[in-house]
PDB file of N, CA and C in Angstrom:
ATOM      1  N   MET A   1       0.841  -1.175   0.000  1.00  0.00           N
ATOM      2  CA  MET A   1       0.000   0.000   0.000  1.00  0.00           C
ATOM      3  C   MET A   1       0.890   1.244   0.000  1.00  0.00           C
ATOM      4  N   PRO A   2       0.730   2.121  -0.981  1.00  0.00           N
ATOM      5  CA  PRO A   2       1.576   3.312  -1.050  1.00  0.00           C
ATOM      6  C   PRO A   2       1.241   4.306   0.067  1.00  0.00           C
ATOM      7  N   LEU A   3       2.270   5.006   0.501  1.00  0.00           N
ATOM      8  CA  LEU A   3       2.105   6.028   1.520  1.00  0.00           C
ATOM      9  C   LEU A   3       1.480   7.254   0.877  1.00  0.00           C
ATOM     10  N   ARG A   4       0.433   7.776   1.505  1.00  0.00           N
ATOM     11  CA  ARG A   4      -0.244   8.949   0.958  1.00  0.00           C
ATOM     12  C   ARG A   4      -0.098  10.099   1.938  1.00  0.00           C
ATOM     13  N   MET A   5      -0.040  11.309   1.367  1.00  0.00           N
ATOM     14  CA  MET A   5       0.120  12.494   2.184  1.00  0.00           C
ATOM     15  C   MET A   5      -0.688  13.614   1.557  1.00  0.00           C
ATOM     16  N   ASP A   6      -1.346  14.400   2.396  1.00  0.00           N
ATOM     17  CA  ASP A   6      -2.032  15.599   1.925  1.00  0.00           C
ATOM     18  C   ASP A   6      -1.008  16.728   1.973  1.00  0.00           C
ATOM     19  N   PRO A   7      -0.498  17.175   0.810  1.00  0.00           N
ATOM     20  CA  PRO A   7       0.575  18.179   0.811  1.00  0.00           C
ATOM     21  C   PRO A   7       0.202  19.458   1.565  1.00  0.00           C
ATOM     22  N   GLU A   8      -1.018  19.937   1.408  1.00  0.00           N
ATOM     23  CA  GLU A   8      -1.408  21.179   2.085  1.00  0.00           C
ATOM     24  C   GLU A   8      -1.389  21.002   3.605  1.00  0.00           C
ATOM     25  N   ALA A   9      -1.902  19.871   4.088  1.00  0.00           N
ATOM     26  CA  ALA A   9      -1.904  19.608   5.530  1.00  0.00           C
ATOM     27  C   ALA A   9      -0.473  19.481   6.061  1.00  0.00           C
ATOM     28  N   GLU A  10       0.391  18.824   5.297  1.00  0.00           N
ATOM     29  CA  GLU A  10       1.794  18.658   5.714  1.00  0.00           C
ATOM     30  C   GLU A  10       2.517  20.004   5.733  1.00  0.00           C
ATOM     31  N   VAL A  11       2.289  20.831   4.720  1.00  0.00           N
ATOM     32  CA  VAL A  11       2.906  22.165   4.690  1.00  0.00           C
ATOM     33  C   VAL A  11       2.447  22.961   5.902  1.00  0.00           C
ATOM     34  N   ASN A  12       1.138  22.983   6.159  1.00  0.00           N
ATOM     35  CA  ASN A  12       0.608  23.730   7.305  1.00  0.00           C
ATOM     36  C   ASN A  12       1.166  23.215   8.626  1.00  0.00           C
ATOM     37  N   TYR A  13       1.275  21.899   8.764  1.00  0.00           N
ATOM     38  CA  TYR A  13       1.831  21.291   9.970  1.00  0.00           C
ATOM     39  C   TYR A  13       3.282  21.718  10.173  1.00  0.00           C
ATOM     40  N   ARG A  14       4.076  21.660   9.110  1.00  0.00           N
ATOM     41  CA  ARG A  14       5.496  22.026   9.214  1.00  0.00           C
ATOM     42  C   ARG A  14       5.676  23.515   9.500  1.00  0.00           C
ATOM     43  N   VAL A  15       4.856  24.364   8.902  1.00  0.00           N
ATOM     44  CA  VAL A  15       4.939  25.803   9.167  1.00  0.00           C
ATOM     45  C   VAL A  15       4.607  26.077  10.627  1.00  0.00           C
ATOM     46  N   LYS A  16       3.574  25.430  11.130  1.00  0.00           N
ATOM     47  CA  LYS A  16       3.191  25.620  12.545  1.00  0.00           C
ATOM     48  C   LYS A  16       4.321  25.172  13.467  1.00  0.00           C
ATOM     49  N   LEU A  17       4.929  24.024  13.169  1.00  0.00           N
ATOM     50  CA  LEU A  17       6.066  23.559  13.967  1.00  0.00           C
ATOM     51  C   LEU A  17       7.214  24.560  13.924  1.00  0.00           C
ATOM     52  N   ALA A  18       7.525  25.049  12.732  1.00  0.00           N
ATOM     53  CA  ALA A  18       8.619  26.020  12.578  1.00  0.00           C
ATOM     54  C   ALA A  18       8.344  27.270  13.404  1.00  0.00           C
ATOM     55  N   GLU A  19       7.122  27.763  13.369  1.00  0.00           N
ATOM     56  CA  GLU A  19       6.761  28.952  14.148  1.00  0.00           C
ATOM     57  C   GLU A  19       6.876  28.696  15.646  1.00  0.00           C
ATOM     58  N   GLN A  20       6.463  27.510  16.089  1.00  0.00           N
ATOM     59  CA  GLN A  20       6.555  27.173  17.514  1.00  0.00           C
ATOM     60  C   GLN A  20       8.013  27.071  17.958  1.00  0.00           C
ATOM     61  N   TYR A  21       8.838  26.416  17.158  1.00  0.00           N
ATOM     62  CA  TYR A  21      10.256  26.310  17.513  1.00  0.00           C
ATOM     63  C   TYR A  21      10.947  27.665  17.485  1.00  0.00           C
ATOM     64  N   LEU A  22      10.559  28.528  16.554  1.00  0.00           N
ATOM     65  CA  LEU A  22      11.129  29.869  16.522  1.00  0.00           C
ATOM     66  C   LEU A  22      10.744  30.646  17.781  1.00  0.00           C
ATOM     67  N   ALA A  23       9.494  30.545  18.201  1.00  0.00           N
ATOM     68  CA  ALA A  23       9.057  31.208  19.441  1.00  0.00           C
ATOM     69  C   ALA A  23       9.830  30.657  20.641  1.00  0.00           C
ATOM     70  N   ASP A  24      10.039  29.337  20.663  1.00  0.00           N
ATOM     71  CA  ASP A  24      10.833  28.721  21.739  1.00  0.00           C
ATOM     72  C   ASP A  24      12.254  29.271  21.741  1.00  0.00           C
ATOM     73  N   ALA A  25      12.852  29.392  20.548  1.00  0.00           N
ATOM     74  CA  ALA A  25      14.226  29.899  20.441  1.00  0.00           C
ATOM     75  C   ALA A  25      14.305  31.340  20.916  1.00  0.00           C
ATOM     76  N   GLU A  26      13.337  32.156  20.542  1.00  0.00           N
ATOM     77  CA  GLU A  26      13.336  33.557  20.972  1.00  0.00           C
ATOM     78  C   GLU A  26      13.179  33.675  22.484  1.00  0.00           C
ATOM     79  N   GLY A  27      12.311  32.845  23.054  1.00  0.00           N
ATOM     80  CA  GLY A  27      12.145  32.845  24.509  1.00  0.00           C
ATOM     81  C   GLY A  27      13.406  32.403  25.225  1.00  0.00           C
ATOM     82  N   ALA A  28      14.037  31.368  24.702  1.00  0.00           N
ATOM     83  CA  ALA A  28      15.272  30.859  25.303  1.00  0.00           C
ATOM     84  C   ALA A  28      16.381  31.902  25.205  1.00  0.00           C
ATOM     85  N   TYR A  29      16.440  32.601  24.101  1.00  0.00           N
ATOM     86  CA  TYR A  29      17.456  33.644  23.940  1.00  0.00           C
ATOM     87  C   TYR A  29      17.246  34.746  24.979  1.00  0.00           C
ATOM     88  N   GLY A  30      16.005  35.109  25.198  1.00  0.00           N
ATOM     89  CA  GLY A  30      15.693  36.127  26.198  1.00  0.00           C
ATOM     90  C   GLY A  30      16.086  35.699  27.607  1.00  0.00           C
ATOM     91  N   ARG A  31      16.076  34.395  27.857  1.00  0.00           N
ATOM     92  CA  ARG A  31      16.485  33.854  29.168  1.00  0.00           C
ATOM     93  C   ARG A  31      17.984  33.567  29.226  1.00  0.00           C
ATOM     94  N   GLU A  32      18.675  33.845  28.129  1.00  0.00           N
ATOM     95  CA  GLU A  32      20.101  33.546  27.988  1.00  0.00           C
ATOM     96  C   GLU A  32      20.391  32.046  28.095  1.00  0.00           C
ATOM     97  N   ASP A  33      19.438  31.248  27.643  1.00  0.00           N
ATOM     98  CA  ASP A  33      19.578  29.789  27.584  1.00  0.00           C
ATOM     99  C   ASP A  33      20.008  29.452  26.157  1.00  0.00           C
ATOM    100  N   TYR A  34      21.307  29.536  25.914  1.00  0.00           N
ATOM    101  CA  TYR A  34      21.815  29.452  24.551  1.00  0.00           C
ATOM    102  C   TYR A  34      21.768  28.041  23.962  1.00  0.00           C
ATOM    103  N   ARG A  35      21.866  27.019  24.787  1.00  0.00           N
ATOM    104  CA  ARG A  35      21.750  25.654  24.279  1.00  0.00           C
ATOM    105  C   ARG A  35      20.364  25.441  23.678  1.00  0.00           C
ATOM    106  N   THR A  36      19.320  25.853  24.383  1.00  0.00           N
ATOM    107  CA  THR A  36      17.955  25.713  23.883  1.00  0.00           C
ATOM    108  C   THR A  36      17.712  26.651  22.700  1.00  0.00           C
ATOM    109  N   THR A  37      18.346  27.834  22.723  1.00  0.00           N
ATOM    110  CA  THR A  37      18.226  28.766  21.598  1.00  0.00           C
ATOM    111  C   THR A  37      18.708  28.100  20.319  1.00  0.00           C
ATOM    112  N   VAL A  38      19.871  27.490  20.379  1.00  0.00           N
ATOM    113  CA  VAL A  38      20.451  26.846  19.194  1.00  0.00           C
ATOM    114  C   VAL A  38      19.620  25.636  18.772  1.00  0.00           C
ATOM    115  N   ALA A  39      19.234  24.795  19.716  1.00  0.00           N
ATOM    116  CA  ALA A  39      18.465  23.594  19.381  1.00  0.00           C
ATOM    117  C   ALA A  39      17.125  23.956  18.753  1.00  0.00           C
ATOM    118  N   SER A  40      16.424  24.903  19.345  1.00  0.00           N
ATOM    119  CA  SER A  40      15.115  25.299  18.809  1.00  0.00           C
ATOM    120  C   SER A  40      15.244  26.019  17.473  1.00  0.00           C
ATOM    121  N   SER A  41      16.309  26.801  17.312  1.00  0.00           N
ATOM    122  CA  SER A  41      16.545  27.477  16.030  1.00  0.00           C
ATOM    123  C   SER A  41      16.762  26.460  14.922  1.00  0.00           C
ATOM    124  N   GLN A  42      17.557  25.429  15.209  1.00  0.00           N
ATOM    125  CA  GLN A  42      17.820  24.392  14.215  1.00  0.00           C
ATOM    126  C   GLN A  42      16.521  23.689  13.824  1.00  0.00           C
ATOM    127  N   LEU A  43      15.680  23.393  14.794  1.00  0.00           N
ATOM    128  CA  LEU A  43      14.415  22.722  14.495  1.00  0.00           C
ATOM    129  C   LEU A  43      13.461  23.634  13.729  1.00  0.00           C
ATOM    130  N   ALA A  44      13.514  24.940  13.998  1.00  0.00           N
ATOM    131  CA  ALA A  44      12.689  25.894  13.246  1.00  0.00           C
ATOM    132  C   ALA A  44      13.096  25.896  11.771  1.00  0.00           C
ATOM    133  N   VAL A  45      14.395  25.955  11.520  1.00  0.00           N
ATOM    134  CA  VAL A  45      14.891  25.967  10.134  1.00  0.00           C
ATOM    135  C   VAL A  45      14.587  24.638   9.447  1.00  0.00           C
ATOM    136  N   GLU A  46      14.812  23.541  10.146  1.00  0.00           N
ATOM    137  CA  GLU A  46      14.544  22.220   9.570  1.00  0.00           C
ATOM    138  C   GLU A  46      13.081  22.094   9.150  1.00  0.00           C
ATOM    139  N   ASN A  47      12.164  22.513  10.020  1.00  0.00           N
ATOM    140  CA  ASN A  47      10.745  22.378   9.696  1.00  0.00           C
ATOM    141  C   ASN A  47      10.300  23.368   8.627  1.00  0.00           C
ATOM    142  N   ALA A  48      10.897  24.546   8.577  1.00  0.00           N
ATOM    143  CA  ALA A  48      10.592  25.490   7.500  1.00  0.00           C
ATOM    144  C   ALA A  48      11.021  24.899   6.152  1.00  0.00           C
ATOM    145  N   ALA A  49      12.202  24.299   6.125  1.00  0.00           N
ATOM    146  CA  ALA A  49      12.680  23.660   4.891  1.00  0.00           C
ATOM    147  C   ALA A  49      11.766  22.504   4.499  1.00  0.00           C
ATOM    148  N   LYS A  50      11.356  21.713   5.466  1.00  0.00           N
ATOM    149  CA  LYS A  50      10.484  20.576   5.166  1.00  0.00           C
ATOM    150  C   LYS A  50       9.097  21.026   4.722  1.00  0.00           C
ATOM    151  N   ALA A  51       8.668  22.223   5.133  1.00  0.00           N
ATOM    152  CA  ALA A  51       7.402  22.769   4.640  1.00  0.00           C
ATOM    153  C   ALA A  51       7.502  23.012   3.132  1.00  0.00           C
ATOM    154  N   VAL A  52       8.625  23.564   2.691  1.00  0.00           N
ATOM    155  CA  VAL A  52       8.839  23.800   1.257  1.00  0.00           C
ATOM    156  C   VAL A  52       8.887  22.466   0.516  1.00  0.00           C
ATOM    157  N   ILE A  53       9.641  21.527   1.047  1.00  0.00           N
ATOM    158  CA  ILE A  53       9.777  20.210   0.417  1.00  0.00           C
ATOM    159  C   ILE A  53       8.421  19.519   0.315  1.00  0.00           C
ATOM    160  N   SER A  54       7.600  19.656   1.362  1.00  0.00           N
ATOM    161  CA  SER A  54       6.285  18.993   1.406  1.00  0.00           C
ATOM    162  C   SER A  54       5.344  19.454   0.305  1.00  0.00           C
ATOM    163  N   ALA A  55       5.568  20.640  -0.211  1.00  0.00           N
ATOM    164  CA  ALA A  55       4.733  21.122  -1.321  1.00  0.00           C
ATOM    165  C   ALA A  55       4.992  20.323  -2.592  1.00  0.00           C
ATOM    166  N   TYR A  56       6.134  19.627  -2.654  1.00  0.00           N
ATOM    167  CA  TYR A  56       6.522  18.887  -3.853  1.00  0.00           C
ATOM    168  C   TYR A  56       6.569  17.380  -3.666  1.00  0.00           C
ATOM    169  N   ARG A  57       6.938  16.933  -2.448  1.00  0.00           N
ATOM    170  CA  ARG A  57       7.071  15.491  -2.208  1.00  0.00           C
ATOM    171  C   ARG A  57       7.129  15.241  -0.706  1.00  0.00           C
ATOM    172  N   ILE A  58       7.126  13.975  -0.331  1.00  0.00           N
ATOM    173  CA  ILE A  58       7.223  13.611   1.082  1.00  0.00           C
ATOM    174  C   ILE A  58       8.653  13.860   1.542  1.00  0.00           C
ATOM    175  N   PRO A  59       8.831  14.676   2.605  1.00  0.00           N
ATOM    176  CA  PRO A  59      10.201  14.932   3.080  1.00  0.00           C
ATOM    177  C   PRO A  59      10.784  13.707   3.776  1.00  0.00           C
ATOM    178  N   SER A  60      12.105  13.624   3.778  1.00  0.00           N
ATOM    179  CA  SER A  60      12.778  12.510   4.443  1.00  0.00           C
ATOM    180  C   SER A  60      12.740  12.721   5.957  1.00  0.00           C
ATOM    181  N   TRP A  61      13.204  11.714   6.678  1.00  0.00           N
ATOM    182  CA  TRP A  61      13.286  11.801   8.138  1.00  0.00           C
ATOM    183  C   TRP A  61      14.572  12.475   8.584  1.00  0.00           C
ATOM    184  N   SER A  62      15.416  12.817   7.658  1.00  0.00           N
ATOM    185  CA  SER A  62      16.707  13.422   7.964  1.00  0.00           C
ATOM    186  C   SER A  62      16.549  14.766   8.669  1.00  0.00           C
ATOM    187  N   HIS A  63      17.491  15.070   9.559  1.00  0.00           N
ATOM    188  CA  HIS A  63      17.509  16.385  10.200  1.00  0.00           C
ATOM    189  C   HIS A  63      18.248  17.406   9.342  1.00  0.00           C
ATOM    190  N   ASP A  64      18.773  16.983   8.206  1.00  0.00           N
ATOM    191  CA  ASP A  64      19.456  17.887   7.286  1.00  0.00           C
ATOM    192  C   ASP A  64      18.806  17.762   5.907  1.00  0.00           C
ATOM    193  N   PRO A  65      17.756  18.550   5.664  1.00  0.00           N
ATOM    194  CA  PRO A  65      17.044  18.447   4.386  1.00  0.00           C
ATOM    195  C   PRO A  65      17.689  19.245   3.254  1.00  0.00           C
ATOM    196  N   SER A  66      18.921  19.702   3.427  1.00  0.00           N
ATOM    197  CA  SER A  66      19.550  20.548   2.418  1.00  0.00           C
ATOM    198  C   SER A  66      19.660  19.850   1.065  1.00  0.00           C
ATOM    199  N   HIS A  67      19.972  18.555   1.059  1.00  0.00           N
ATOM    200  CA  HIS A  67      20.081  17.831  -0.215  1.00  0.00           C
ATOM    201  C   HIS A  67      18.735  17.789  -0.944  1.00  0.00           C
ATOM    202  N   GLU A  68      17.641  17.706  -0.182  1.00  0.00           N
ATOM    203  CA  GLU A  68      16.320  17.686  -0.798  1.00  0.00           C
ATOM    204  C   GLU A  68      15.978  19.050  -1.406  1.00  0.00           C
ATOM    205  N   LEU A  69      16.365  20.121  -0.710  1.00  0.00           N
ATOM    206  CA  LEU A  69      16.141  21.465  -1.248  1.00  0.00           C
ATOM    207  C   LEU A  69      16.945  21.675  -2.522  1.00  0.00           C
ATOM    208  N   ARG A  70      18.193  21.215  -2.524  1.00  0.00           N
ATOM    209  CA  ARG A  70      19.025  21.321  -3.734  1.00  0.00           C
ATOM    210  C   ARG A  70      18.385  20.554  -4.891  1.00  0.00           C
ATOM    211  N   ASP A  71      17.885  19.354  -4.623  1.00  0.00           N
ATOM    212  CA  ASP A  71      17.227  18.565  -5.661  1.00  0.00           C
ATOM    213  C   ASP A  71      16.014  19.299  -6.221  1.00  0.00           C
ATOM    214  N   LEU A  72      15.213  19.892  -5.337  1.00  0.00           N
ATOM    215  CA  LEU A  72      14.026  20.624  -5.790  1.00  0.00           C
ATOM    216  C   LEU A  72      14.399  21.810  -6.671  1.00  0.00           C
ATOM    217  N   ILE A  73      15.451  22.521  -6.291  1.00  0.00           N
ATOM    218  CA  ILE A  73      15.900  23.660  -7.098  1.00  0.00           C
ATOM    219  C   ILE A  73      16.349  23.178  -8.469  1.00  0.00           C
ATOM    220  N   GLU A  74      17.142  22.118  -8.488  1.00  0.00           N
ATOM    221  CA  GLU A  74      17.653  21.602  -9.763  1.00  0.00           C
ATOM    222  C   GLU A  74      16.524  21.086 -10.660  1.00  0.00           C
ATOM    223  N   GLN A  75      15.505  20.473 -10.055  1.00  0.00           N
ATOM    224  CA  GLN A  75      14.401  19.922 -10.834  1.00  0.00           C
ATOM    225  C   GLN A  75      13.427  20.993 -11.304  1.00  0.00           C
ATOM    226  N   ASN A  76      13.238  22.033 -10.504  1.00  0.00           N
ATOM    227  CA  ASN A  76      12.194  23.007 -10.791  1.00  0.00           C
ATOM    228  C   ASN A  76      12.713  24.329 -11.333  1.00  0.00           C
ATOM    229  N   ALA A  77      13.983  24.562 -11.226  1.00  0.00           N
ATOM    230  CA  ALA A  77      14.589  25.780 -11.762  1.00  0.00           C
ATOM    231  C   ALA A  77      15.980  25.428 -12.281  1.00  0.00           C
ATOM    232  N   PRO A  78      16.050  24.719 -13.405  1.00  0.00           N
ATOM    233  CA  PRO A  78      17.339  24.225 -13.901  1.00  0.00           C
ATOM    234  C   PRO A  78      18.386  25.298 -14.138  1.00  0.00           C
ATOM    235  N   SER A  79      17.970  26.529 -14.364  1.00  0.00           N
ATOM    236  CA  SER A  79      18.953  27.579 -14.620  1.00  0.00           C
ATOM    237  C   SER A  79      19.530  28.164 -13.333  1.00  0.00           C
ATOM    238  N   CYS A  80      18.989  27.762 -12.170  1.00  0.00           N
ATOM    239  CA  CYS A  80      19.502  28.271 -10.887  1.00  0.00           C
ATOM    240  C   CYS A  80      20.845  27.633 -10.572  1.00  0.00           C
ATOM    241  N   LYS A  81      21.742  28.416 -10.043  1.00  0.00           N
ATOM    242  CA  LYS A  81      23.037  27.913  -9.595  1.00  0.00           C
ATOM    243  C   LYS A  81      22.961  27.739  -8.075  1.00  0.00           C
ATOM    244  N   VAL A  82      23.233  26.538  -7.598  1.00  0.00           N
ATOM    245  CA  VAL A  82      23.213  26.245  -6.166  1.00  0.00           C
ATOM    246  C   VAL A  82      24.645  26.278  -5.665  1.00  0.00           C
ATOM    247  N   PRO A  83      24.958  27.160  -4.679  1.00  0.00           N
ATOM    248  CA  PRO A  83      26.333  27.197  -4.174  1.00  0.00           C
ATOM    249  C   PRO A  83      26.690  25.893  -3.477  1.00  0.00           C
ATOM    250  N   SER A  84      27.964  25.498  -3.559  1.00  0.00           N
ATOM    251  CA  SER A  84      28.382  24.242  -2.933  1.00  0.00           C
ATOM    252  C   SER A  84      28.451  24.358  -1.426  1.00  0.00           C
ATOM    253  N   GLY A  85      28.562  25.568  -0.896  1.00  0.00           N
ATOM    254  CA  GLY A  85      28.579  25.773   0.554  1.00  0.00           C
ATOM    255  C   GLY A  85      27.200  26.139   1.031  1.00  0.00           C
ATOM    256  N   GLY A  86      27.006  27.374   1.385  1.00  0.00           N
ATOM    257  CA  GLY A  86      25.726  27.852   1.862  1.00  0.00           C
ATOM    258  C   GLY A  86      25.719  29.358   1.810  1.00  0.00           C
ATOM    259  N   VAL A  87      24.691  29.945   2.346  1.00  0.00           N
ATOM    260  CA  VAL A  87      24.575  31.393   2.362  1.00  0.00           C
ATOM    261  C   VAL A  87      24.272  31.826   3.792  1.00  0.00           C
ATOM    262  N   ASP A  88      25.027  32.810   4.294  1.00  0.00           N
ATOM    263  CA  ASP A  88      24.724  33.305   5.629  1.00  0.00           C
ATOM    264  C   ASP A  88      23.663  34.399   5.520  1.00  0.00           C
ATOM    265  N   PHE A  89      23.243  34.969   6.647  1.00  0.00           N
ATOM    266  CA  PHE A  89      22.149  35.933   6.645  1.00  0.00           C
ATOM    267  C   PHE A  89      22.480  37.216   5.903  1.00  0.00           C
ATOM    268  N   SER A  90      23.731  37.530   5.690  1.00  0.00           N
ATOM    269  CA  SER A  90      24.089  38.731   4.944  1.00  0.00           C
ATOM    270  C   SER A  90      24.077  38.470   3.443  1.00  0.00           C
ATOM    271  N   GLY A  91      23.881  37.207   3.054  1.00  0.00           N
ATOM    272  CA  GLY A  91      23.843  36.857   1.640  1.00  0.00           C
ATOM    273  C   GLY A  91      25.187  36.420   1.092  1.00  0.00           C
ATOM    274  N   ARG A  92      26.233  36.424   1.909  1.00  0.00           N
ATOM    275  CA  ARG A  92      27.552  35.985   1.444  1.00  0.00           C
ATOM    276  C   ARG A  92      27.586  34.461   1.369  1.00  0.00           C
ATOM    277  N   VAL A  93      28.233  33.951   0.366  1.00  0.00           N
ATOM    278  CA  VAL A  93      28.382  32.506   0.212  1.00  0.00           C
ATOM    279  C   VAL A  93      29.622  32.067   0.971  1.00  0.00           C
ATOM    280  N   TYR A  94      29.517  30.968   1.714  1.00  0.00           N
ATOM    281  CA  TYR A  94      30.664  30.415   2.413  1.00  0.00           C
ATOM    282  C   TYR A  94      30.906  28.993   1.951  1.00  0.00           C
ATOM    283  N   GLY A  95      32.092  28.465   2.239  1.00  0.00           N
ATOM    284  CA  GLY A  95      32.472  27.134   1.759  1.00  0.00           C
ATOM    285  C   GLY A  95      31.703  26.011   2.419  1.00  0.00           C
ATOM    286  N   ALA A  96      31.754  24.842   1.793  1.00  0.00           N
ATOM    287  CA  ALA A  96      31.078  23.666   2.345  1.00  0.00           C
ATOM    288  C   ALA A  96      31.688  23.317   3.691  1.00  0.00           C
ATOM    289  N   ARG A  97      30.845  23.015   4.651  1.00  0.00           N
ATOM    290  CA  ARG A  97      31.336  22.674   5.975  1.00  0.00           C
ATOM    291  C   ARG A  97      31.669  21.186   6.052  1.00  0.00           C
ATOM    292  N   ALA A  98      32.551  20.839   6.955  1.00  0.00           N
ATOM    293  CA  ALA A  98      32.931  19.438   7.128  1.00  0.00           C
ATOM    294  C   ALA A  98      31.766  18.680   7.726  1.00  0.00           C
ATOM    295  N   ARG A  99      31.587  17.465   7.296  1.00  0.00           N
ATOM    296  CA  ARG A  99      30.482  16.640   7.829  1.00  0.00           C
ATOM    297  C   ARG A  99      31.055  15.524   8.639  1.00  0.00           C
TER     298      ARG A  99
END
């Protein structure tokens, strides 16, 4: 039996999770609880990315959906250039990090 998913429900679920984790991160930052700030921030970004992925396909269970985002860009916007590293908040591209 194939796995079925309602893309709109999954997107909404992931967006809600991302918003909740972001609120948790902001609260933790205000308390100077930096471990929770970082953990909740990572989960906010992960769920935001999975919300985008869910609009196109079932996201993986991985905590690093970057490969799925790259695949979506390559499949849906072939003329887009995906940097091999990443982009920080200022828009500068940085090198690939060690895994």
